C-alpha atoms as a PDB file:
ATOM      1  CA  MET A   1       0.000   0.000   0.000  1.00  0.00           C
ATOM      2  CA  ARG A   2       1.322   3.409  -0.926  1.00  0.00           C
ATOM      3  CA  LEU A   3       0.361   6.417   1.141  1.00  0.00           C
ATOM      4  CA  ARG A   4       0.997  10.115   0.792  1.00  0.00           C
ATOM      5  CA  ILE A   5       1.411  11.335   4.353  1.00  0.00           C
ATOM      6  CA  ALA A   6       1.402  14.965   5.457  1.00  0.00           C
ATOM      7  CA  PRO A   7       4.787  16.146   6.761  1.00  0.00           C
ATOM      8  CA  THR A   8       3.271  16.951  10.159  1.00  0.00           C
ATOM      9  CA  ALA A   9       1.538  13.559  10.558  1.00  0.00           C
ATOM     10  CA  ASN A  10       2.891  10.590  12.489  1.00  0.00           C
ATOM     11  CA  GLU A  11       3.805   8.204   9.670  1.00  0.00           C
ATOM     12  CA  ASP A  12       3.484   5.022  11.753  1.00  0.00           C
ATOM     13  CA  ALA A  13       0.110   6.041  13.185  1.00  0.00           C
ATOM     14  CA  VAL A  14      -1.235   6.881   9.716  1.00  0.00           C
ATOM     15  CA  TRP A  15       0.022   3.554   8.366  1.00  0.00           C
ATOM     16  CA  ARG A  16      -1.566   1.567  11.225  1.00  0.00           C
ATOM     17  CA  GLU A  17      -4.913   3.308  10.731  1.00  0.00           C
ATOM     18  CA  ALA A  18      -4.871   2.848   6.944  1.00  0.00           C
ATOM     19  CA  GLU A  19      -3.828  -0.801   7.254  1.00  0.00           C
ATOM     20  CA  ALA A  20      -6.540  -1.508   9.834  1.00  0.00           C
ATOM     21  CA  GLY A  21      -9.166   0.097   7.593  1.00  0.00           C
ATOM     22  CA  LEU A  22      -8.056  -1.885   4.555  1.00  0.00           C
ATOM     23  CA  ARG A  23      -7.928  -5.141   6.546  1.00  0.00           C
ATOM     24  CA  ASN A  24     -11.478  -4.459   7.713  1.00  0.00           C
ATOM     25  CA  VAL A  25     -12.707  -3.922   4.134  1.00  0.00           C
ATOM     26  CA  LEU A  26     -10.929  -7.084   2.973  1.00  0.00           C
ATOM     27  CA  ALA A  27     -12.374  -9.119   5.864  1.00  0.00           C
ATOM     28  CA  GLN A  28     -15.895  -7.877   5.139  1.00  0.00           C
ATOM     29  CA  ASN A  29     -15.469  -9.208   1.624  1.00  0.00           C
ATOM     30  CA  GLY A  30     -14.014 -12.592   2.630  1.00  0.00           C
ATOM     31  CA  LEU A  31     -10.480 -11.630   1.644  1.00  0.00           C
ATOM     32  CA  GLU A  32      -8.631 -12.030   4.950  1.00  0.00           C
ATOM     33  CA  HIS A  33      -5.911 -13.988   3.140  1.00  0.00           C
ATOM     34  CA  VAL A  34      -4.777 -10.972   1.077  1.00  0.00           C
ATOM     35  CA  ALA A  35      -1.336  -9.688   2.102  1.00  0.00           C
ATOM     36  CA  ILE A  36      -0.803  -5.959   2.615  1.00  0.00           C
ATOM     37  CA  GLU A  37       2.682  -4.542   2.215  1.00  0.00           C
ATOM     38  CA  ARG A  38       3.912  -1.108   3.203  1.00  0.00           C
ATOM     39  CA  ALA A  39       5.512   0.504   0.158  1.00  0.00           C
ATOM     40  CA  GLY A  40       8.323   2.978   0.535  1.00  0.00           C
ATOM     41  CA  GLU A  41       7.418   4.951  -2.557  1.00  0.00           C
ATOM     42  CA  PRO A  42       4.524   7.428  -2.840  1.00  0.00           C
ATOM     43  CA  PRO A  43       1.339   6.734  -4.823  1.00  0.00           C
ATOM     44  CA  GLU A  44       1.645   6.965  -8.613  1.00  0.00           C
ATOM     45  CA  GLN A  45      -0.855   8.303 -11.067  1.00  0.00           C
ATOM     46  CA  GLY A  46      -1.852   6.012 -13.910  1.00  0.00           C
ATOM     47  CA  ARG A  47      -1.622   6.965 -17.577  1.00  0.00           C
ATOM     48  CA  GLY A  48      -5.005   8.631 -17.347  1.00  0.00           C
ATOM     49  CA  GLY A  49      -3.846  10.775 -14.423  1.00  0.00           C
ATOM     50  CA  LYS A  50      -5.863   8.878 -11.812  1.00  0.00           C
ATOM     51  CA  PHE A  51      -4.851   7.110  -8.632  1.00  0.00           C
ATOM     52  CA  ARG A  52      -6.061   3.588  -7.862  1.00  0.00           C
ATOM     53  CA  GLU A  53      -8.509   3.393  -4.992  1.00  0.00           C
ATOM     54  CA  VAL A  54      -9.985   0.556  -2.980  1.00  0.00           C
ATOM     55  CA  ILE A  55     -13.723   0.865  -3.367  1.00  0.00           C
ATOM     56  CA  PRO A  56     -15.646  -1.875  -1.556  1.00  0.00           C
ATOM     57  CA  LEU A  57     -18.864  -3.117  -3.097  1.00  0.00           C
ATOM     58  CA  GLU A  58     -21.964  -2.875  -0.980  1.00  0.00           C
ATOM     59  CA  LYS A  59     -23.383  -6.178   0.197  1.00  0.00           C
ATOM     60  CA  ALA A  60     -26.711  -7.094  -1.368  1.00  0.00           C
END
């Protein structure tokens, strides 16, 4: 996971919160087995200028 963190923010605290949120979304969708890695590089924009986002589907 790549994060852009504000210079004044606590990097470890932001990471823990983001990781916990993503793990929760994955668990809600039966994907507890998915590994999450902390990337050292910042997010990258795709060719179309957009960032990738995790957007959970609503349960029916």
